[in-house]
């Protein structure tokens, strides 16, 4: 049996692949494969839980002095299981990239390139607890812990509380403003009626009586002029019409003043 080959690729991360919550949706991590040699290297990505992970790409090659990024997506599910990944690699001819994918896969069964080198990565599910530090993921996919910071809930409470206080103060201002509003002024018509009612006295009653008498007199003269037989003279007719108009105007004005007093 041939001895195991040393891994020519440099993996980042090199020993574990970390995933952070939420785990009720897809959680993503990355593996970077670097080829420090001057040879073409082909790789395969395997896992112990193929139904839980989607790996893109899970097969390919890395050119000399090049690198390849692998995206690993964890599907929703339990996190109390132990999963592992295996990165296998073989050194292949320089024309490997020009071959069809079917021929590339056949090279993995060619004894000339075997045995393959492999590196195992353990899967780590990062659990965020209320009293622990918040965990973040850097660009390389390595999960690092920052210094302890306040909980997200505590960070959100203060702005909400401040907003509630500001809203309450605003409501109180509106309420106070409404209480300080002056009483609506009475309309001119109501004011006239009120003043006329309050100022009603014997003197006003006598004035109203006098105006009504004048109005009645004017109406009597209008009826007398209207009932008088028409005179054939045009001048007399015109004079009589003018008198009727004057008495009508006087009657109108008297009626107007009586209405204002009432």
C-alpha atoms as a PDB file:
ATOM      1  CA  UNK A   1       0.000   0.000   0.000  1.00  0.00           C
ATOM      2  CA  UNK A   2       1.454   3.358  -0.997  1.00  0.00           C
ATOM      3  CA  UNK A   3       2.312   5.861   1.697  1.00  0.00           C
ATOM      4  CA  UNK A   4      -0.023   8.788   2.215  1.00  0.00           C
ATOM      5  CA  UNK A   5       1.049  11.921   0.403  1.00  0.00           C
ATOM      6  CA  UNK A   6       1.556  15.228   2.122  1.00  0.00           C
ATOM      7  CA  UNK A   7      -1.122  17.830   1.360  1.00  0.00           C
ATOM      8  CA  UNK A   8       0.300  20.223  -1.259  1.00  0.00           C
ATOM      9  CA  UNK A   9      -2.552  22.702  -0.861  1.00  0.00           C
ATOM     10  CA  UNK A  10      -2.658  25.268   1.914  1.00  0.00           C
ATOM     11  CA  UNK A  11      -6.118  25.355   3.467  1.00  0.00           C
ATOM     12  CA  UNK A  12      -7.702  28.284   5.255  1.00  0.00           C
ATOM     13  CA  UNK A  13      -9.157  27.381   7.719  1.00  0.00           C
ATOM     14  CA  UNK A  14      -6.806  24.476   8.246  1.00  0.00           C
ATOM     15  CA  UNK A  15      -8.514  22.379  10.943  1.00  0.00           C
ATOM     16  CA  UNK A  16     -12.160  23.361  11.439  1.00  0.00           C
ATOM     17  CA  UNK A  17     -15.025  24.850   9.509  1.00  0.00           C
ATOM     18  CA  UNK A  18     -17.256  27.108  11.621  1.00  0.00           C
ATOM     19  CA  UNK A  19     -20.909  28.000  11.142  1.00  0.00           C
ATOM     20  CA  UNK A  20     -22.769  30.611  13.113  1.00  0.00           C
ATOM     21  CA  UNK A  21     -26.518  31.052  13.768  1.00  0.00           C
ATOM     22  CA  UNK A  22     -29.269  31.373  12.832  1.00  0.00           C
ATOM     23  CA  UNK A  23     -29.481  27.674  12.052  1.00  0.00           C
ATOM     24  CA  UNK A  24     -33.122  27.764  10.942  1.00  0.00           C
ATOM     25  CA  UNK A  25     -31.917  29.130   7.607  1.00  0.00           C
ATOM     26  CA  UNK A  26     -28.866  28.587   5.407  1.00  0.00           C
ATOM     27  CA  UNK A  27     -25.566  29.337   7.181  1.00  0.00           C
ATOM     28  CA  UNK A  28     -22.515  29.883   4.970  1.00  0.00           C
ATOM     29  CA  UNK A  29     -18.800  29.326   5.502  1.00  0.00           C
ATOM     30  CA  UNK A  30     -15.801  29.342   3.165  1.00  0.00           C
ATOM     31  CA  UNK A  31     -12.625  27.369   2.489  1.00  0.00           C
ATOM     32  CA  UNK A  32      -9.711  28.893   0.587  1.00  0.00           C
ATOM     33  CA  UNK A  33      -7.364  26.519  -1.271  1.00  0.00           C
ATOM     34  CA  UNK A  34      -3.940  27.948  -2.147  1.00  0.00           C
ATOM     35  CA  UNK A  35      -1.422  26.210  -4.417  1.00  0.00           C
ATOM     36  CA  UNK A  36       2.113  27.339  -3.486  1.00  0.00           C
ATOM     37  CA  UNK A  37       3.730  24.918  -5.981  1.00  0.00           C
ATOM     38  CA  UNK A  38       4.517  25.168  -9.676  1.00  0.00           C
ATOM     39  CA  UNK A  39       2.294  22.174 -10.488  1.00  0.00           C
ATOM     40  CA  UNK A  40      -1.375  21.775 -11.382  1.00  0.00           C
ATOM     41  CA  UNK A  41      -3.409  20.338  -8.476  1.00  0.00           C
ATOM     42  CA  UNK A  42      -6.907  18.868  -8.663  1.00  0.00           C
ATOM     43  CA  UNK A  43      -9.133  18.665  -5.570  1.00  0.00           C
ATOM     44  CA  UNK A  44     -12.297  16.976  -4.303  1.00  0.00           C
ATOM     45  CA  UNK A  45     -14.467  18.041  -1.349  1.00  0.00           C
ATOM     46  CA  UNK A  46     -16.237  15.304   0.639  1.00  0.00           C
ATOM     47  CA  UNK A  47     -18.404  15.373   3.765  1.00  0.00           C
ATOM     48  CA  UNK A  48     -19.907  12.906   6.233  1.00  0.00           C
ATOM     49  CA  UNK A  49     -23.344  14.617   5.903  1.00  0.00           C
ATOM     50  CA  UNK A  50     -23.942  15.232   2.183  1.00  0.00           C
ATOM     51  CA  UNK A  51     -27.665  15.955   2.734  1.00  0.00           C
ATOM     52  CA  UNK A  52     -26.893  18.830   5.108  1.00  0.00           C
ATOM     53  CA  UNK A  53     -24.351  20.674   2.975  1.00  0.00           C
ATOM     54  CA  UNK A  54     -24.168  22.250  -0.447  1.00  0.00           C
ATOM     55  CA  UNK A  55     -20.562  22.740  -1.660  1.00  0.00           C
ATOM     56  CA  UNK A  56     -19.704  24.934  -4.665  1.00  0.00           C
ATOM     57  CA  UNK A  57     -17.570  23.786  -6.338  1.00  0.00           C
ATOM     58  CA  UNK A  58     -16.991  20.348  -4.849  1.00  0.00           C
ATOM     59  CA  UNK A  59     -14.496  19.382  -7.579  1.00  0.00           C
ATOM     60  CA  UNK A  60     -11.961  21.306  -9.596  1.00  0.00           C
ATOM     61  CA  UNK A  61      -8.326  22.362  -9.865  1.00  0.00           C
ATOM     62  CA  UNK A  62      -5.950  25.066  -8.642  1.00  0.00           C
ATOM     63  CA  UNK A  63      -3.353  26.439 -11.030  1.00  0.00           C
ATOM     64  CA  UNK A  64       0.283  26.904  -9.958  1.00  0.00           C
ATOM     65  CA  UNK A  65       0.621  29.777  -7.442  1.00  0.00           C
ATOM     66  CA  UNK A  66      -3.126  30.224  -7.655  1.00  0.00           C
ATOM     67  CA  UNK A  67      -6.018  29.840  -5.237  1.00  0.00           C
ATOM     68  CA  UNK A  68      -9.647  28.741  -5.249  1.00  0.00           C
ATOM     69  CA  UNK A  69     -12.502  29.679  -2.916  1.00  0.00           C
ATOM     70  CA  UNK A  70     -15.013  27.014  -1.853  1.00  0.00           C
ATOM     71  CA  UNK A  71     -18.427  28.055  -0.521  1.00  0.00           C
ATOM     72  CA  UNK A  72     -20.024  25.650   1.971  1.00  0.00           C
ATOM     73  CA  UNK A  73     -23.719  26.138   2.790  1.00  0.00           C
ATOM     74  CA  UNK A  74     -25.224  24.434   5.831  1.00  0.00           C
ATOM     75  CA  UNK A  75     -28.904  23.561   5.428  1.00  0.00           C
ATOM     76  CA  UNK A  76     -31.361  24.093   8.339  1.00  0.00           C
ATOM     77  CA  UNK A  77     -31.373  21.254  10.862  1.00  0.00           C
ATOM     78  CA  UNK A  78     -30.075  20.084  14.253  1.00  0.00           C
ATOM     79  CA  UNK A  79     -26.676  21.227  15.487  1.00  0.00           C
ATOM     80  CA  UNK A  80     -25.996  18.463  18.013  1.00  0.00           C
ATOM     81  CA  UNK A  81     -24.412  16.232  15.360  1.00  0.00           C
ATOM     82  CA  UNK A  82     -20.730  15.854  14.499  1.00  0.00           C
ATOM     83  CA  UNK A  83     -19.907  16.517  10.864  1.00  0.00           C
ATOM     84  CA  UNK A  84     -16.589  16.454   9.034  1.00  0.00           C
ATOM     85  CA  UNK A  85     -15.191  17.564   5.711  1.00  0.00           C
ATOM     86  CA  UNK A  86     -12.342  16.028   3.747  1.00  0.00           C
ATOM     87  CA  UNK A  87     -10.270  17.916   1.159  1.00  0.00           C
ATOM     88  CA  UNK A  88      -8.514  15.518  -1.203  1.00  0.00           C
ATOM     89  CA  UNK A  89      -5.908  16.548  -3.787  1.00  0.00           C
ATOM     90  CA  UNK A  90      -3.706  15.017  -6.493  1.00  0.00           C
ATOM     91  CA  UNK A  91      -1.014  16.454  -8.732  1.00  0.00           C
ATOM     92  CA  UNK A  92      -2.165  16.309 -12.364  1.00  0.00           C
ATOM     93  CA  UNK A  93      -0.673  17.220 -15.762  1.00  0.00           C
ATOM     94  CA  UNK A  94      -0.630  20.875 -16.842  1.00  0.00           C
ATOM     95  CA  UNK A  95      -3.200  20.191 -19.576  1.00  0.00           C
ATOM     96  CA  UNK A  96      -5.709  19.004 -16.937  1.00  0.00           C
ATOM     97  CA  UNK A  97      -7.694  22.252 -17.198  1.00  0.00           C
ATOM     98  CA  UNK A  98      -8.217  21.710 -20.942  1.00  0.00           C
ATOM     99  CA  UNK A  99      -9.777  18.281 -20.535  1.00  0.00           C
ATOM    100  CA  UNK A 100     -13.537  17.642 -20.381  1.00  0.00           C
ATOM    101  CA  UNK A 101     -14.904  17.178 -16.872  1.00  0.00           C
ATOM    102  CA  UNK A 102     -15.498  13.468 -17.543  1.00  0.00           C
ATOM    103  CA  UNK A 103     -11.819  12.959 -18.355  1.00  0.00           C
ATOM    104  CA  UNK A 104     -10.810  14.988 -15.319  1.00  0.00           C
ATOM    105  CA  UNK A 105     -12.820  12.620 -13.115  1.00  0.00           C
ATOM    106  CA  UNK A 106     -11.124   9.620 -14.758  1.00  0.00           C
ATOM    107  CA  UNK A 107      -7.711  10.960 -13.727  1.00  0.00           C
ATOM    108  CA  UNK A 108      -8.742  10.386 -10.108  1.00  0.00           C
ATOM    109  CA  UNK A 109      -8.748   6.649 -10.810  1.00  0.00           C
ATOM    110  CA  UNK A 110      -5.336   6.780 -12.501  1.00  0.00           C
ATOM    111  CA  UNK A 111      -2.829   5.025 -10.237  1.00  0.00           C
ATOM    112  CA  UNK A 112      -0.104   7.276 -11.583  1.00  0.00           C
ATOM    113  CA  UNK A 113      -1.505  10.206  -9.588  1.00  0.00           C
ATOM    114  CA  UNK A 114      -2.524   8.222  -6.483  1.00  0.00           C
ATOM    115  CA  UNK A 115      -2.591   8.071  -3.559  1.00  0.00           C
ATOM    116  CA  UNK A 116      -4.309  11.385  -2.957  1.00  0.00           C
ATOM    117  CA  UNK A 117      -3.453  13.720  -0.129  1.00  0.00           C
ATOM    118  CA  UNK A 118      -6.264  14.619   2.241  1.00  0.00           C
ATOM    119  CA  UNK A 119      -7.007  17.053   5.064  1.00  0.00           C
ATOM    120  CA  UNK A 120      -9.928  16.702   7.459  1.00  0.00           C
ATOM    121  CA  UNK A 121     -11.896  19.649   8.805  1.00  0.00           C
ATOM    122  CA  UNK A 122     -14.265  19.367  11.762  1.00  0.00           C
ATOM    123  CA  UNK A 123     -17.542  21.301  11.623  1.00  0.00           C
ATOM    124  CA  UNK A 124     -18.155  23.666  14.533  1.00  0.00           C
ATOM    125  CA  UNK A 125     -21.567  25.191  15.288  1.00  0.00           C
ATOM    126  CA  UNK A 126     -21.069  28.464  17.137  1.00  0.00           C
ATOM    127  CA  UNK A 127     -23.799  28.983  19.741  1.00  0.00           C
ATOM    128  CA  UNK A 128     -24.463  32.545  20.915  1.00  0.00           C
ATOM    129  CA  UNK A 129     -25.469  32.703  24.575  1.00  0.00           C
ATOM    130  CA  UNK A 130     -26.693  35.713  26.518  1.00  0.00           C
ATOM    131  CA  UNK A 131     -23.611  35.873  28.744  1.00  0.00           C
ATOM    132  CA  UNK A 132     -20.980  35.040  26.124  1.00  0.00           C
ATOM    133  CA  UNK A 133     -19.240  37.293  23.667  1.00  0.00           C
ATOM    134  CA  UNK A 134     -20.671  37.937  20.223  1.00  0.00           C
ATOM    135  CA  UNK A 135     -18.913  35.957  17.491  1.00  0.00           C
ATOM    136  CA  UNK A 136     -18.202  37.341  14.025  1.00  0.00           C
ATOM    137  CA  UNK A 137     -16.738  35.849  10.843  1.00  0.00           C
ATOM    138  CA  UNK A 138     -13.825  37.444   8.987  1.00  0.00           C
ATOM    139  CA  UNK A 139     -13.239  37.521   5.232  1.00  0.00           C
ATOM    140  CA  UNK A 140     -11.299  34.246   5.243  1.00  0.00           C
ATOM    141  CA  UNK A 141     -14.170  32.327   6.859  1.00  0.00           C
ATOM    142  CA  UNK A 142     -12.376  31.971  10.209  1.00  0.00           C
ATOM    143  CA  UNK A 143     -14.617  32.623  13.172  1.00  0.00           C
ATOM    144  CA  UNK A 144     -12.990  34.841  15.798  1.00  0.00           C
ATOM    145  CA  UNK A 145     -14.358  36.056  19.137  1.00  0.00           C
ATOM    146  CA  UNK A 146     -14.434  39.756  19.929  1.00  0.00           C
ATOM    147  CA  UNK A 147     -14.310  41.219  23.427  1.00  0.00           C
ATOM    148  CA  UNK A 148     -17.506  40.944  25.432  1.00  0.00           C
ATOM    149  CA  UNK A 149     -20.095  43.469  24.274  1.00  0.00           C
ATOM    150  CA  UNK A 150     -23.610  44.331  25.481  1.00  0.00           C
ATOM    151  CA  UNK A 151     -26.415  42.111  24.319  1.00  0.00           C
ATOM    152  CA  UNK A 152     -28.342  43.097  21.242  1.00  0.00           C
ATOM    153  CA  UNK A 153     -31.537  43.334  23.283  1.00  0.00           C
ATOM    154  CA  UNK A 154     -29.921  45.806  25.684  1.00  0.00           C
ATOM    155  CA  UNK A 155     -28.697  47.895  22.785  1.00  0.00           C
ATOM    156  CA  UNK A 156     -32.234  48.097  21.423  1.00  0.00           C
ATOM    157  CA  UNK A 157     -34.035  48.806  24.700  1.00  0.00           C
ATOM    158  CA  UNK A 158     -32.668  52.305  25.327  1.00  0.00           C
ATOM    159  CA  UNK A 159     -33.644  53.864  21.952  1.00  0.00           C
ATOM    160  CA  UNK A 160     -37.139  52.354  22.217  1.00  0.00           C
ATOM    161  CA  UNK A 161     -37.527  53.707  25.745  1.00  0.00           C
ATOM    162  CA  UNK A 162     -36.307  57.141  24.684  1.00  0.00           C
ATOM    163  CA  UNK A 163     -38.714  57.131  21.744  1.00  0.00           C
ATOM    164  CA  UNK A 164     -41.601  56.230  24.077  1.00  0.00           C
ATOM    165  CA  UNK A 165     -40.725  59.075  26.479  1.00  0.00           C
ATOM    166  CA  UNK A 166     -40.493  61.582  23.635  1.00  0.00           C
ATOM    167  CA  UNK A 167     -43.863  60.452  22.286  1.00  0.00           C
ATOM    168  CA  UNK A 168     -45.464  60.750  25.738  1.00  0.00           C
ATOM    169  CA  UNK A 169     -44.054  64.258  26.268  1.00  0.00           C
ATOM    170  CA  UNK A 170     -45.334  65.271  22.826  1.00  0.00           C
ATOM    171  CA  UNK A 171     -48.833  63.994  23.691  1.00  0.00           C
ATOM    172  CA  UNK A 172     -48.791  65.966  26.963  1.00  0.00           C
ATOM    173  CA  UNK A 173     -47.778  69.117  25.080  1.00  0.00           C
ATOM    174  CA  UNK A 174     -50.676  68.676  22.680  1.00  0.00           C
ATOM    175  CA  UNK A 175     -53.076  68.098  25.572  1.00  0.00           C
ATOM    176  CA  UNK A 176     -51.880  71.212  27.383  1.00  0.00           C
ATOM    177  CA  UNK A 177     -52.108  73.214  24.186  1.00  0.00           C
ATOM    178  CA  UNK A 178     -55.695  72.137  23.714  1.00  0.00           C
ATOM    179  CA  UNK A 179     -56.560  73.110  27.271  1.00  0.00           C
ATOM    180  CA  UNK A 180     -55.109  76.591  26.769  1.00  0.00           C
ATOM    181  CA  UNK A 181     -57.072  77.299  23.608  1.00  0.00           C
ATOM    182  CA  UNK A 182     -59.353  80.397  24.037  1.00  0.00           C
ATOM    183  CA  UNK A 183     -63.110  79.987  23.893  1.00  0.00           C
ATOM    184  CA  UNK A 184     -64.507  80.490  20.392  1.00  0.00           C
ATOM    185  CA  UNK A 185     -65.811  83.973  19.705  1.00  0.00           C
ATOM    186  CA  UNK A 186     -69.476  84.453  19.039  1.00  0.00           C
ATOM    187  CA  UNK A 187     -70.560  85.179  15.492  1.00  0.00           C
ATOM    188  CA  UNK A 188     -71.572  88.772  14.620  1.00  0.00           C
ATOM    189  CA  UNK A 189     -75.208  87.759  14.157  1.00  0.00           C
ATOM    190  CA  UNK A 190     -75.371  86.192  17.632  1.00  0.00           C
ATOM    191  CA  UNK A 191     -73.591  89.210  19.095  1.00  0.00           C
ATOM    192  CA  UNK A 192     -76.133  91.571  17.565  1.00  0.00           C
ATOM    193  CA  UNK A 193     -78.978  89.459  18.883  1.00  0.00           C
ATOM    194  CA  UNK A 194     -77.480  89.288  22.349  1.00  0.00           C
ATOM    195  CA  UNK A 195     -76.813  93.002  22.488  1.00  0.00           C
ATOM    196  CA  UNK A 196     -80.283  93.798  21.217  1.00  0.00           C
ATOM    197  CA  UNK A 197     -81.871  91.481  23.774  1.00  0.00           C
ATOM    198  CA  UNK A 198     -79.801  92.756  26.681  1.00  0.00           C
ATOM    199  CA  UNK A 199     -80.288  96.368  25.681  1.00  0.00           C
ATOM    200  CA  UNK A 200     -84.055  96.058  25.275  1.00  0.00           C
ATOM    201  CA  UNK A 201     -85.657  98.660  27.529  1.00  0.00           C
ATOM    202  CA  UNK A 202     -88.746 100.941  27.431  1.00  0.00           C
ATOM    203  CA  UNK A 203     -86.930 103.528  25.290  1.00  0.00           C
ATOM    204  CA  UNK A 204     -86.142 100.927  22.562  1.00  0.00           C
ATOM    205  CA  UNK A 205     -89.722  99.710  22.640  1.00  0.00           C
ATOM    206  CA  UNK A 206     -90.998 103.244  22.075  1.00  0.00           C
ATOM    207  CA  UNK A 207     -88.616 103.692  19.119  1.00  0.00           C
ATOM    208  CA  UNK A 208     -89.789 100.456  17.555  1.00  0.00           C
ATOM    209  CA  UNK A 209     -93.410 101.542  17.973  1.00  0.00           C
ATOM    210  CA  UNK A 210     -92.686 104.844  16.231  1.00  0.00           C
ATOM    211  CA  UNK A 211     -90.947 103.135  13.292  1.00  0.00           C
ATOM    212  CA  UNK A 212     -93.803 100.685  12.855  1.00  0.00           C
ATOM    213  CA  UNK A 213     -96.271 103.591  12.756  1.00  0.00           C
ATOM    214  CA  UNK A 214     -94.184 105.321  10.088  1.00  0.00           C
ATOM    215  CA  UNK A 215     -94.056 102.097   8.104  1.00  0.00           C
ATOM    216  CA  UNK A 216     -97.807 101.695   8.296  1.00  0.00           C
ATOM    217  CA  UNK A 217     -98.305 105.296   7.134  1.00  0.00           C
ATOM    218  CA  UNK A 218     -95.976 104.751   4.183  1.00  0.00           C
ATOM    219  CA  UNK A 219     -97.836 101.588   3.200  1.00  0.00           C
ATOM    220  CA  UNK A 220    -101.190 103.427   3.352  1.00  0.00           C
ATOM    221  CA  UNK A 221     -99.914 106.164   1.023  1.00  0.00           C
ATOM    222  CA  UNK A 222     -98.551 103.553  -1.382  1.00  0.00           C
ATOM    223  CA  UNK A 223    -101.950 101.814  -1.486  1.00  0.00           C
ATOM    224  CA  UNK A 224    -103.716 105.170  -1.966  1.00  0.00           C
ATOM    225  CA  UNK A 225    -101.486 106.147  -4.864  1.00  0.00           C
ATOM    226  CA  UNK A 226    -101.848 102.700  -6.416  1.00  0.00           C
ATOM    227  CA  UNK A 227    -105.658 102.761  -6.183  1.00  0.00           C
ATOM    228  CA  UNK A 228    -106.026 106.295  -7.633  1.00  0.00           C
ATOM    229  CA  UNK A 229    -107.406 106.269 -11.147  1.00  0.00           C
ATOM    230  CA  UNK A 230    -104.714 107.001 -13.742  1.00  0.00           C
ATOM    231  CA  UNK A 231    -104.642 110.520 -15.112  1.00  0.00           C
ATOM    232  CA  UNK A 232    -104.254 110.992 -18.828  1.00  0.00           C
ATOM    233  CA  UNK A 233    -101.441 113.494 -18.291  1.00  0.00           C
ATOM    234  CA  UNK A 234     -98.001 111.856 -18.590  1.00  0.00           C
ATOM    235  CA  UNK A 235     -96.400 114.336 -16.234  1.00  0.00           C
ATOM    236  CA  UNK A 236     -98.852 113.596 -13.464  1.00  0.00           C
ATOM    237  CA  UNK A 237     -98.358 109.840 -13.980  1.00  0.00           C
ATOM    238  CA  UNK A 238     -94.611 110.198 -13.735  1.00  0.00           C
ATOM    239  CA  UNK A 239     -94.910 112.316 -10.583  1.00  0.00           C
ATOM    240  CA  UNK A 240     -97.254 109.760  -9.009  1.00  0.00           C
ATOM    241  CA  UNK A 241     -94.856 106.923  -9.886  1.00  0.00           C
ATOM    242  CA  UNK A 242     -91.955 108.807  -8.285  1.00  0.00           C
ATOM    243  CA  UNK A 243     -94.004 109.271  -5.116  1.00  0.00           C
ATOM    244  CA  UNK A 244     -94.774 105.541  -5.057  1.00  0.00           C
ATOM    245  CA  UNK A 245     -91.084 104.703  -5.472  1.00  0.00           C
ATOM    246  CA  UNK A 246     -90.118 107.145  -2.667  1.00  0.00           C
ATOM    247  CA  UNK A 247     -92.712 105.707  -0.292  1.00  0.00           C
ATOM    248  CA  UNK A 248     -91.618 102.173  -1.168  1.00  0.00           C
ATOM    249  CA  UNK A 249     -87.989 103.107  -0.414  1.00  0.00           C
ATOM    250  CA  UNK A 250     -89.040 104.745   2.876  1.00  0.00           C
ATOM    251  CA  UNK A 251     -91.064 101.657   3.819  1.00  0.00           C
ATOM    252  CA  UNK A 252     -88.092  99.411   2.968  1.00  0.00           C
ATOM    253  CA  UNK A 253     -85.676 101.463   5.092  1.00  0.00           C
ATOM    254  CA  UNK A 254     -88.073 101.546   8.032  1.00  0.00           C
ATOM    255  CA  UNK A 255     -88.542  97.781   7.802  1.00  0.00           C
ATOM    256  CA  UNK A 256     -84.744  97.345   7.638  1.00  0.00           C
ATOM    257  CA  UNK A 257     -84.168  99.423  10.796  1.00  0.00           C
ATOM    258  CA  UNK A 258     -86.900  97.560  12.646  1.00  0.00           C
ATOM    259  CA  UNK A 259     -85.241  94.255  11.695  1.00  0.00           C
ATOM    260  CA  UNK A 260     -81.834  95.474  12.954  1.00  0.00           C
ATOM    261  CA  UNK A 261     -83.298  96.586  16.277  1.00  0.00           C
ATOM    262  CA  UNK A 262     -84.991  93.237  16.767  1.00  0.00           C
END
